[in-house]
């Protein structure tokens, strides 16, 4: 029996997963590592920590699964997107990696946009804006702020591709993760030479790119000796964590959309053709499914808003949960269910960390609008659930504007565990919301790519369809759909009305913090 190994190089740790050819999990193991915050708004990690954690995770998961390294037929890699690894001519790491959540590059973001010729040119060349979290602004920051380090730069890699280099000796990237660098011509699945010329960066810092299911190296003899894996196991290209997570939940055919509610919220849609938002509110990337693409919207504080509510407001719910042995979020959902749709006029804007989709506004902030003496705890609870769901709906609205037909939402994360929230999502989105049997996240999707690469599966979409099964369906209730439609329009009207005041408040905060 052939087995597959999936590795997810995340922000908080490496997750290793072993599955069989039926998709059953035989073992899982996570090794955590720290996030470095050298200054407010900065976020870094030492790539060496990813490597040591990977080696430990591989050995541990093989032991937990009770299998031999020789039983692994293929390996797939997933990882945090956008984060930069800078290597010198000796393939040594020059400095800690700047992570996807690092916000130091605002000046570089605006410089790039102006230098390239505006949003329209960015859209033409790479289908996306150069947001602070993306890789290109990080390279320009290195050039601007650490010129000595920039002069040493010979190779640019992303986290999982650095780990691949250490596993196989191959310096390669794949199309899904490359799409998030703001240097990649997404429509044509190649690096954009024109963009690199416009920002005065050399092409030779970029490594060759392949499809996600293609073989991108084999386990080296040294790594085999360190881990117990067999020398020569093929390693697939893999993908960024969002693309791998989508594959692992069956988002491999048009019409299916993933709604992932973790700390952030991600809406990920498979598309058979390239679709680019004229206003660049949503991201257009290459999918890990060969020659297919995806649209992606990102909320910065989805589950993060709910966690804030739990920690700051929900004292009684947390106490009740502690006494009954329940999850506090379940108790909060029970309380929210007591209030009617629309929370009797109370609307919550979930912009506690600014917002990416659809507003691209770091100054946006959370707000309760419509608060009155009528409102109680149940209204506060419900309006936060509603505000998060409306924020996810914003991404779906953009996708529909671009002509994407959405037939089904596959929910994962916190939004999948609560029947109350699944029904709310179905009613707000206006389409069925389903859950699936796959709950292992990006590592599972990466493992499937290893299966295609090794020949265990002939096709990624067929492999995903065969192993990922629907386990629950929440159908939209027509009367609820129409009521939510009205409240969603009120929600959408609030950000434009408050946008300037958000900026004014940010200016005042900065002024008085100096």
Protein backbone atom coordinates (compact mmCIF):
# COMPACT_ATOMS: atom_id res chain seq x y z
CA UNK A 1 0.00 0.00 0.00
CA UNK A 2 1.41 3.38 -1.00
CA UNK A 3 1.24 6.20 1.54
CA UNK A 4 1.49 9.95 1.11
CA UNK A 5 3.14 12.62 3.23
CA UNK A 6 1.86 16.20 3.33
CA UNK A 7 3.90 18.99 4.92
CA UNK A 8 2.45 22.41 5.72
CA UNK A 9 5.03 25.09 6.59
CA UNK A 10 2.71 27.41 8.50
CA UNK A 11 3.11 30.64 10.43
CA UNK A 12 3.02 28.98 13.85
CA UNK A 13 4.44 25.55 13.05
CA UNK A 14 5.05 22.71 10.62
CA UNK A 15 2.28 20.14 10.32
CA UNK A 16 3.14 16.70 8.94
CA UNK A 17 0.37 14.35 7.81
CA UNK A 18 0.46 10.74 6.59
CA UNK A 19 -2.56 9.43 4.65
CA UNK A 20 -3.29 6.23 2.75
CA UNK A 21 -4.67 5.95 -0.78
CA UNK A 22 -8.24 6.12 0.57
CA UNK A 23 -7.57 9.46 2.26
CA UNK A 24 -7.56 8.07 5.81
CA UNK A 25 -5.24 9.84 8.21
CA UNK A 26 -2.70 7.46 9.75
CA UNK A 27 -0.72 10.06 11.65
CA UNK A 28 -0.35 13.78 12.19
CA UNK A 29 2.23 15.79 14.07
CA UNK A 30 2.85 19.53 14.51
CA UNK A 31 6.07 21.19 15.64
CA UNK A 32 5.63 24.82 16.66
CA UNK A 33 8.08 27.71 16.37
CA UNK A 34 8.06 31.37 17.39
CA UNK A 35 7.00 34.48 15.52
CA UNK A 36 9.57 37.28 15.82
CA UNK A 37 8.29 40.87 16.25
CA UNK A 38 11.42 43.08 16.18
CA UNK A 39 9.29 46.25 15.86
CA UNK A 40 5.55 47.02 16.01
CA UNK A 41 3.95 45.96 12.74
CA UNK A 42 6.88 43.77 11.73
CA UNK A 43 6.82 39.96 11.59
CA UNK A 44 9.80 37.72 10.87
CA UNK A 45 10.99 34.13 11.18
CA UNK A 46 14.33 32.41 10.81
CA UNK A 47 14.00 29.87 7.95
CA UNK A 48 16.28 27.55 9.92
CA UNK A 49 13.42 27.05 12.38
CA UNK A 50 11.18 25.80 9.57
CA UNK A 51 13.84 23.31 8.54
CA UNK A 52 14.56 21.89 11.97
CA UNK A 53 10.83 21.70 12.70
CA UNK A 54 10.26 19.88 9.40
CA UNK A 55 12.87 17.23 10.16
CA UNK A 56 11.41 16.69 13.63
CA UNK A 57 7.83 16.57 12.30
CA UNK A 58 8.68 13.99 9.64
CA UNK A 59 10.32 11.61 12.09
CA UNK A 60 7.52 12.08 14.61
CA UNK A 61 4.66 11.54 12.16
CA UNK A 62 6.21 8.35 10.77
CA UNK A 63 6.50 7.02 14.30
CA UNK A 64 2.96 8.09 15.20
CA UNK A 65 1.56 6.49 12.05
CA UNK A 66 3.55 3.33 12.71
CA UNK A 67 4.94 3.27 9.18
CA UNK A 68 8.37 3.15 7.59
CA UNK A 69 9.81 5.92 5.47
CA UNK A 70 10.08 3.41 2.63
CA UNK A 71 6.26 3.19 2.57
CA UNK A 72 5.89 6.84 1.50
CA UNK A 73 5.22 7.02 -2.25
CA UNK A 74 5.00 10.78 -2.67
CA UNK A 75 5.34 14.05 -0.77
CA UNK A 76 3.55 17.37 -1.21
CA UNK A 77 4.38 20.74 0.30
CA UNK A 78 2.14 23.56 1.44
CA UNK A 79 3.13 26.75 3.20
CA UNK A 80 2.42 30.29 4.27
CA UNK A 81 2.21 32.51 1.21
CA UNK A 82 4.17 35.67 0.30
CA UNK A 83 6.88 35.38 2.99
CA UNK A 84 10.38 36.06 1.66
CA UNK A 85 13.53 33.95 1.94
CA UNK A 86 16.68 35.72 0.75
CA UNK A 87 19.65 33.49 -0.15
CA UNK A 88 23.21 34.52 -1.05
CA UNK A 89 25.56 32.97 -3.61
CA UNK A 90 26.38 30.17 -1.16
CA UNK A 91 22.66 29.43 -0.61
CA UNK A 92 22.91 30.77 2.93
CA UNK A 93 20.02 32.75 4.41
CA UNK A 94 20.91 36.46 4.40
CA UNK A 95 18.44 37.66 7.05
CA UNK A 96 15.22 36.50 8.75
CA UNK A 97 12.28 36.13 6.39
CA UNK A 98 9.71 38.93 6.20
CA UNK A 99 6.32 37.25 6.68
CA UNK A 100 2.98 37.66 4.95
CA UNK A 101 1.65 39.55 8.01
CA UNK A 102 4.54 42.03 8.08
CA UNK A 103 3.31 45.57 7.48
CA UNK A 104 6.52 47.56 7.09
CA UNK A 105 6.35 47.98 3.29
CA UNK A 106 3.61 50.58 2.77
CA UNK A 107 6.08 53.05 1.22
CA UNK A 108 7.35 50.36 -1.14
CA UNK A 109 3.81 49.33 -2.07
CA UNK A 110 2.95 52.83 -3.28
CA UNK A 111 6.31 53.26 -4.99
CA UNK A 112 5.81 50.05 -6.96
CA UNK A 113 2.31 51.02 -8.08
CA UNK A 114 3.50 54.44 -9.25
CA UNK A 115 6.66 53.09 -10.89
CA UNK A 116 4.78 50.39 -12.81
CA UNK A 117 2.12 52.82 -14.01
CA UNK A 118 -0.82 52.43 -11.64
CA UNK A 119 -3.33 49.76 -10.74
CA UNK A 120 -4.29 49.19 -14.38
CA UNK A 121 -0.72 48.22 -15.26
CA UNK A 122 -0.41 45.97 -12.21
CA UNK A 123 -3.62 44.30 -13.28
CA UNK A 124 -2.33 43.82 -16.82
CA UNK A 125 1.06 42.48 -15.78
CA UNK A 126 0.38 40.35 -12.70
CA UNK A 127 -3.42 40.51 -12.09
CA UNK A 128 -2.91 41.80 -8.51
CA UNK A 129 -1.82 44.88 -6.56
CA UNK A 130 1.50 44.88 -4.66
CA UNK A 131 -0.02 44.73 -1.18
CA UNK A 132 2.22 45.07 1.89
CA UNK A 133 1.99 41.37 2.64
CA UNK A 134 3.10 40.31 -0.84
CA UNK A 135 6.68 39.42 -1.74
CA UNK A 136 7.66 42.14 -4.22
CA UNK A 137 7.40 45.02 -1.70
CA UNK A 138 9.62 43.02 0.66
CA UNK A 139 12.36 42.78 -1.99
CA UNK A 140 12.14 46.52 -2.64
CA UNK A 141 12.27 47.14 1.12
CA UNK A 142 15.48 45.09 1.29
CA UNK A 143 16.93 47.22 -1.49
CA UNK A 144 15.82 50.46 0.18
CA UNK A 145 16.60 49.73 3.81
CA UNK A 146 19.33 47.06 3.81
CA UNK A 147 21.37 47.71 0.66
CA UNK A 148 24.29 45.61 1.84
CA UNK A 149 21.99 42.61 2.24
CA UNK A 150 20.35 43.33 -1.10
CA UNK A 151 23.72 43.25 -2.85
CA UNK A 152 24.19 39.71 -1.48
CA UNK A 153 20.80 38.54 -2.82
CA UNK A 154 21.11 35.79 -5.43
CA UNK A 155 17.93 33.71 -4.93
CA UNK A 156 14.42 34.51 -3.72
CA UNK A 157 12.31 31.66 -2.34
CA UNK A 158 9.04 31.22 -0.48
CA UNK A 159 8.87 29.23 2.78
CA UNK A 160 7.81 25.83 1.47
CA UNK A 161 10.23 26.16 -1.45
CA UNK A 162 13.11 26.81 0.93
CA UNK A 163 12.15 23.61 2.75
CA UNK A 164 11.97 21.82 -0.62
CA UNK A 165 15.48 23.06 -1.40
CA UNK A 166 16.73 21.59 1.87
CA UNK A 167 14.85 18.30 1.23
CA UNK A 168 15.90 17.83 -2.40
CA UNK A 169 18.61 20.31 -3.38
CA UNK A 170 16.28 21.81 -6.01
CA UNK A 171 15.53 25.55 -6.09
CA UNK A 172 12.10 25.67 -7.70
CA UNK A 173 8.70 27.26 -7.18
CA UNK A 174 5.20 26.38 -8.37
CA UNK A 175 2.50 28.51 -9.97
CA UNK A 176 0.01 28.82 -7.07
CA UNK A 177 2.49 30.25 -4.58
CA UNK A 178 4.31 32.30 -7.23
CA UNK A 179 1.00 34.04 -7.93
CA UNK A 180 1.19 35.73 -4.52
CA UNK A 181 4.55 37.40 -5.11
CA UNK A 182 3.18 40.26 -7.31
CA UNK A 183 5.96 39.36 -9.77
CA UNK A 184 4.15 36.57 -11.59
CA UNK A 185 2.13 36.86 -14.81
CA UNK A 186 -0.85 34.89 -13.53
CA UNK A 187 -2.72 34.77 -16.82
CA UNK A 188 0.22 33.16 -18.65
CA UNK A 189 1.69 31.27 -15.66
CA UNK A 190 5.21 32.74 -16.08
CA UNK A 191 7.33 35.37 -14.33
CA UNK A 192 6.65 38.90 -15.59
CA UNK A 193 9.85 40.13 -17.17
CA UNK A 194 8.20 43.45 -17.97
CA UNK A 195 7.32 44.13 -14.34
CA UNK A 196 10.79 43.17 -13.16
CA UNK A 197 12.30 45.65 -15.66
CA UNK A 198 9.99 48.42 -14.48
CA UNK A 199 11.03 48.00 -10.82
CA UNK A 200 14.71 47.46 -11.73
CA UNK A 201 15.06 43.96 -10.32
CA UNK A 202 17.15 41.22 -11.98
CA UNK A 203 15.30 38.21 -13.34
CA UNK A 204 17.99 35.84 -12.13
CA UNK A 205 16.87 36.08 -8.49
CA UNK A 206 13.72 34.17 -9.57
CA UNK A 207 13.77 30.37 -9.76
CA UNK A 208 12.08 28.14 -12.38
CA UNK A 209 8.34 27.57 -11.93
CA UNK A 210 6.31 24.40 -12.51
CA UNK A 211 2.74 23.23 -12.00
CA UNK A 212 1.73 22.20 -8.49
CA UNK A 213 1.45 18.47 -9.26
CA UNK A 214 4.74 18.32 -11.18
CA UNK A 215 7.77 16.64 -9.69
CA UNK A 216 10.02 19.33 -8.19
CA UNK A 217 12.79 17.23 -6.73
CA UNK A 218 13.44 13.97 -4.89
CA UNK A 219 14.42 13.28 -1.31
CA UNK A 220 18.21 13.45 -1.03
CA UNK A 221 20.46 10.82 0.51
CA UNK A 222 21.34 13.09 3.44
CA UNK A 223 17.69 13.81 4.23
CA UNK A 224 16.85 10.12 3.97
CA UNK A 225 19.49 9.42 6.60
CA UNK A 226 18.15 12.19 8.85
CA UNK A 227 14.45 11.29 8.65
CA UNK A 228 14.07 7.62 7.74
CA UNK A 229 12.45 8.52 4.44
CA UNK A 230 13.54 6.60 1.36
CA UNK A 231 16.03 8.34 -0.89
CA UNK A 232 14.44 9.37 -4.19
CA UNK A 233 10.81 9.87 -3.08
CA UNK A 234 9.28 12.42 -5.52
CA UNK A 235 8.29 15.78 -4.07
CA UNK A 236 5.44 17.61 -5.79
CA UNK A 237 5.40 21.34 -6.38
CA UNK A 238 2.59 21.77 -3.87
CA UNK A 239 1.02 25.15 -3.28
CA UNK A 240 0.34 28.03 -0.95
CA UNK A 241 -1.75 27.18 2.08
CA UNK A 242 -4.97 28.56 0.60
CA UNK A 243 -4.66 26.62 -2.66
CA UNK A 244 -3.75 23.40 -0.84
CA UNK A 245 -6.57 23.90 1.64
CA UNK A 246 -8.99 24.36 -1.25
CA UNK A 247 -7.81 21.16 -2.96
CA UNK A 248 -8.14 19.34 0.35
CA UNK A 249 -11.82 20.34 0.61
CA UNK A 250 -12.71 19.60 -3.01
CA UNK A 251 -12.57 23.09 -4.55
CA UNK A 252 -11.37 21.61 -7.83
CA UNK A 253 -14.32 22.36 -10.13
CA UNK A 254 -16.00 25.61 -11.13
CA UNK A 255 -19.06 26.49 -9.05
CA UNK A 256 -17.51 25.31 -5.78
CA UNK A 257 -16.31 27.94 -3.32
CA UNK A 258 -14.47 27.55 -0.03
CA UNK A 259 -15.46 29.74 2.93
CA UNK A 260 -12.74 29.29 5.53
CA UNK A 261 -13.31 31.03 8.84
CA UNK A 262 -10.22 31.09 11.01
CA UNK A 263 -8.66 34.17 12.56
CA UNK A 264 -8.90 35.61 9.06
CA UNK A 265 -11.62 34.69 6.60
CA UNK A 266 -10.84 33.36 3.12
CA UNK A 267 -13.24 32.95 0.23
CA UNK A 268 -11.62 30.81 -2.48
CA UNK A 269 -13.29 29.99 -5.81
CA UNK A 270 -12.10 27.66 -8.57
CA UNK A 271 -12.29 29.18 -12.07
CA UNK A 272 -11.69 27.48 -15.40
CA UNK A 273 -10.57 30.76 -17.02
CA UNK A 274 -8.70 33.84 -15.80
CA UNK A 275 -11.02 36.33 -14.09
CA UNK A 276 -9.55 39.60 -12.78
CA UNK A 277 -11.47 42.17 -10.76
CA UNK A 278 -11.09 45.56 -12.51
CA UNK A 279 -10.79 47.23 -9.10
CA UNK A 280 -8.35 44.62 -7.71
CA UNK A 281 -10.51 44.03 -4.65
CA UNK A 282 -10.08 40.25 -4.91
CA UNK A 283 -6.92 38.33 -5.79
CA UNK A 284 -6.53 36.30 -8.98
CA UNK A 285 -4.07 33.42 -8.68
CA UNK A 286 -3.13 30.26 -10.49
CA UNK A 287 -4.85 27.29 -8.87
CA UNK A 288 -2.94 24.15 -7.93
CA UNK A 289 -5.20 22.32 -10.38
CA UNK A 290 -3.13 22.40 -13.60
CA UNK A 291 -4.12 25.15 -16.05
CA UNK A 292 -6.89 26.44 -13.82
CA UNK A 293 -7.17 29.63 -11.78
CA UNK A 294 -8.84 30.91 -8.65
CA UNK A 295 -10.37 34.04 -7.19
CA UNK A 296 -9.69 34.78 -3.55
CA UNK A 297 -11.03 37.32 -1.09
CA UNK A 298 -9.52 37.81 2.36
CA UNK A 299 -11.07 39.27 5.53
CA UNK A 300 -8.43 40.17 8.10
CA UNK A 301 -10.56 39.75 11.25
CA UNK A 302 -13.23 37.12 10.70
CA UNK A 303 -12.87 34.64 13.53
CA UNK A 304 -10.60 37.26 15.07
CA UNK A 305 -13.66 39.47 15.62
CA UNK A 306 -15.47 36.60 17.32
CA UNK A 307 -12.44 35.92 19.52
CA UNK A 308 -12.35 39.62 20.50
CA UNK A 309 -16.03 39.38 21.45
CA UNK A 310 -15.33 36.24 23.50
CA UNK A 311 -12.38 37.77 25.34
CA UNK A 312 -13.76 41.26 25.95
CA UNK A 313 -17.55 40.94 26.18
CA UNK A 314 -18.58 37.32 26.70
CA UNK A 315 -17.63 36.83 30.36
CA UNK A 316 -20.90 35.10 31.26
CA UNK A 317 -20.77 32.87 28.17
CA UNK A 318 -17.22 31.81 29.00
CA UNK A 319 -18.22 31.06 32.59
CA UNK A 320 -21.21 29.05 31.43
CA UNK A 321 -19.06 27.12 28.97
CA UNK A 322 -16.53 26.35 31.69
CA UNK A 323 -19.23 24.97 33.98
CA UNK A 324 -20.94 22.88 31.30
CA UNK A 325 -17.84 21.72 29.47
CA UNK A 326 -18.97 23.39 26.24
CA UNK A 327 -16.96 25.45 23.78
CA UNK A 328 -17.48 29.17 24.57
CA UNK A 329 -18.26 29.84 20.91
CA UNK A 330 -21.13 27.33 21.06
CA UNK A 331 -22.58 29.17 24.07
CA UNK A 332 -22.18 32.47 22.21
CA UNK A 333 -24.02 31.01 19.21
CA UNK A 334 -26.84 29.85 21.49
CA UNK A 335 -27.13 33.37 22.88
CA UNK A 336 -27.01 34.91 19.39
CA UNK A 337 -29.82 32.63 18.22
CA UNK A 338 -32.17 34.34 20.69
CA UNK A 339 -32.02 37.61 18.68
CA UNK A 340 -33.87 38.04 15.36
CA UNK A 341 -32.29 38.41 11.93
CA UNK A 342 -30.80 41.88 11.67
CA UNK A 343 -30.26 42.10 15.44
CA UNK A 344 -33.07 44.65 15.64
CA UNK A 345 -31.04 47.28 13.81
CA UNK A 346 -27.60 46.62 15.30
CA UNK A 347 -24.89 46.23 12.64
CA UNK A 348 -21.24 45.27 13.25
CA UNK A 349 -18.34 46.19 10.96
CA UNK A 350 -15.61 43.53 11.43
CA UNK A 351 -12.61 45.68 10.52
CA UNK A 352 -10.66 45.25 13.74
CA UNK A 353 -7.35 44.93 11.85
CA UNK A 354 -8.23 47.08 8.85
CA UNK A 355 -9.53 45.22 5.82
CA UNK A 356 -8.18 43.69 2.63
CA UNK A 357 -11.21 42.56 0.60
CA UNK A 358 -13.01 44.55 -0.64
CA UNK A 359 -11.70 47.82 0.79
CA UNK A 360 -7.86 47.53 0.85
CA UNK A 361 -7.90 49.97 3.78
CA UNK A 362 -5.48 49.60 6.70
CA UNK A 363 -7.27 52.45 8.51
CA UNK A 364 -10.69 50.75 8.59
CA UNK A 365 -11.83 49.84 12.08
CA UNK A 366 -14.56 47.87 13.77
CA UNK A 367 -17.83 49.54 14.71
CA UNK A 368 -21.21 48.81 16.25
CA UNK A 369 -23.80 50.97 14.45
CA UNK A 370 -27.38 51.35 15.62
CA UNK A 371 -26.84 50.54 19.29
CA UNK A 372 -29.84 51.43 21.47
CA UNK A 373 -31.29 50.80 24.92
CA UNK A 374 -33.28 47.96 23.34
CA UNK A 375 -30.18 45.89 22.65
CA UNK A 376 -28.91 43.17 24.96
CA UNK A 377 -26.17 40.56 24.96
CA UNK A 378 -27.99 38.39 22.43
CA UNK A 379 -28.02 41.26 19.93
CA UNK A 380 -24.31 41.94 20.42
CA UNK A 381 -23.55 38.28 19.84
CA UNK A 382 -25.74 37.92 16.77
CA UNK A 383 -24.64 41.12 15.05
CA UNK A 384 -20.98 40.03 15.25
CA UNK A 385 -21.82 36.68 13.63
CA UNK A 386 -23.82 38.59 11.00
CA UNK A 387 -21.12 41.21 10.38
CA UNK A 388 -18.47 38.55 9.79
CA UNK A 389 -20.79 36.69 7.41
CA UNK A 390 -21.63 39.90 5.54
CA UNK A 391 -17.89 40.53 5.19
CA UNK A 392 -17.44 37.09 3.61
CA UNK A 393 -20.42 37.85 1.35
CA UNK A 394 -18.52 40.89 0.04
CA UNK A 395 -16.00 38.55 -1.61
CA UNK A 396 -18.78 36.42 -3.09
CA UNK A 397 -20.43 39.55 -4.47
CA UNK A 398 -17.23 40.46 -6.32
CA UNK A 399 -16.99 36.94 -7.75
CA UNK A 400 -20.58 37.10 -8.96
CA UNK A 401 -19.91 40.49 -10.56
CA UNK A 402 -17.14 38.80 -12.55
CA UNK A 403 -19.62 36.25 -13.89
CA UNK A 404 -18.78 33.32 -11.64
CA UNK A 405 -21.71 31.00 -10.99
CA UNK A 406 -21.63 29.79 -7.38
CA UNK A 407 -23.52 26.57 -6.78
CA UNK A 408 -22.12 25.49 -3.42
CA UNK A 409 -20.12 26.85 -0.48
CA UNK A 410 -17.85 24.44 1.38
CA UNK A 411 -17.38 25.72 4.93
CA UNK A 412 -14.30 25.03 7.04
CA UNK A 413 -12.89 26.37 10.29
CA UNK A 414 -15.11 27.84 12.98
CA UNK A 415 -17.87 28.57 10.50
CA UNK A 416 -18.24 24.86 9.77
CA UNK A 417 -18.59 23.63 13.35
CA UNK A 418 -21.71 25.58 14.34
CA UNK A 419 -25.07 24.56 12.84
CA UNK A 420 -26.38 28.04 13.71
CA UNK A 421 -23.56 29.72 11.77
CA UNK A 422 -23.78 27.32 8.82
CA UNK A 423 -27.47 28.17 8.43
CA UNK A 424 -26.72 31.89 8.71
CA UNK A 425 -24.10 31.55 5.99
CA UNK A 426 -26.49 29.68 3.69
CA UNK A 427 -29.12 32.39 4.19
CA UNK A 428 -26.66 35.27 3.67
CA UNK A 429 -24.88 33.69 0.69
CA UNK A 430 -28.10 32.39 -0.88
CA UNK A 431 -26.64 28.98 -1.80
CA UNK A 432 -26.23 25.66 0.06
CA UNK A 433 -23.44 25.52 2.62
CA UNK A 434 -21.89 22.08 3.04
CA UNK A 435 -19.25 20.50 5.21
CA UNK A 436 -16.93 17.71 4.10
CA UNK A 437 -15.11 14.81 5.71
CA UNK A 438 -11.65 16.32 5.14
CA UNK A 439 -10.55 18.41 8.11
CA UNK A 440 -6.77 18.23 7.93
CA UNK A 441 -6.37 21.48 5.99
CA UNK A 442 -3.53 22.38 3.60
CA UNK A 443 -1.38 19.36 4.48
CA UNK A 444 -4.09 17.06 3.12
CA UNK A 445 -4.28 18.92 -0.20
CA UNK A 446 -0.49 18.86 -0.43
CA UNK A 447 -0.49 15.11 0.17
CA UNK A 448 -2.94 14.66 -2.72
CA UNK A 449 -0.55 16.57 -4.97
CA UNK A 450 2.18 14.18 -3.87
CA UNK A 451 -0.16 11.37 -4.91
CA UNK A 452 -0.58 12.74 -8.43
CA UNK A 453 3.15 13.44 -8.71
CA UNK A 454 4.00 9.87 -7.70
CA UNK A 455 1.45 8.32 -10.05
CA UNK A 456 -0.88 7.07 -7.30
CA UNK A 457 -3.62 9.30 -8.80
CA UNK A 458 -3.92 10.30 -12.42
CA UNK A 459 -5.58 13.66 -11.87
CA UNK A 460 -5.85 16.08 -8.96
CA UNK A 461 -9.53 16.88 -9.44
CA UNK A 462 -10.47 13.19 -9.65
CA UNK A 463 -8.36 12.40 -6.57
CA UNK A 464 -10.03 15.16 -4.58
CA UNK A 465 -13.51 14.15 -5.73
CA UNK A 466 -12.83 10.52 -4.82
CA UNK A 467 -11.57 11.22 -1.29
CA UNK A 468 -13.49 14.33 -0.22
CA UNK A 469 -17.17 13.64 0.62
CA UNK A 470 -20.01 15.91 1.74
CA UNK A 471 -21.25 15.13 5.27
CA UNK A 472 -23.82 17.90 5.91
CA UNK A 473 -25.89 20.36 3.87
CA UNK A 474 -27.53 23.60 5.05
CA UNK A 475 -30.04 24.82 2.46
CA UNK A 476 -30.91 28.53 2.37
CA UNK A 477 -34.34 29.38 3.78
CA UNK A 478 -36.03 31.71 1.24
CA UNK A 479 -37.70 33.98 3.81
CA UNK A 480 -34.38 34.41 5.64
CA UNK A 481 -32.54 35.10 2.38
CA UNK A 482 -34.80 38.05 1.56
CA UNK A 483 -34.50 39.52 5.07
CA UNK A 484 -30.71 39.21 5.09
CA UNK A 485 -30.57 40.85 1.67
CA UNK A 486 -32.00 44.03 3.16
CA UNK A 487 -29.60 44.04 6.11
CA UNK A 488 -26.63 43.31 3.85
CA UNK A 489 -27.39 46.43 1.84
CA UNK A 490 -27.37 48.48 5.05
CA UNK A 491 -24.05 46.86 6.00
CA UNK A 492 -22.51 47.71 2.63
CA UNK A 493 -23.55 51.35 2.93
CA UNK A 494 -21.72 51.93 6.21
CA UNK A 495 -18.07 51.66 5.13
CA UNK A 496 -18.31 54.40 2.44
CA UNK A 497 -20.05 56.63 4.97
CA UNK A 498 -17.30 56.10 7.56
CA UNK A 499 -14.20 55.80 5.36
CA UNK A 500 -12.97 59.37 5.81
CA UNK A 501 -13.58 59.29 9.54
CA UNK A 502 -11.57 56.07 9.82
CA UNK A 503 -8.67 57.93 8.18
CA UNK A 504 -9.16 60.95 10.43
CA UNK A 505 -9.13 58.80 13.55
CA UNK A 506 -5.95 57.02 12.39
CA UNK A 507 -4.25 60.40 11.94
CA UNK A 508 -5.28 61.49 15.42
CA UNK A 509 -4.07 58.26 16.99
CA UNK A 510 -0.68 58.62 15.31
CA UNK A 511 -0.46 62.28 16.34
CA UNK A 512 -1.15 61.61 20.01
CA UNK A 513 1.04 58.52 20.22
CA UNK A 514 4.17 60.45 19.33
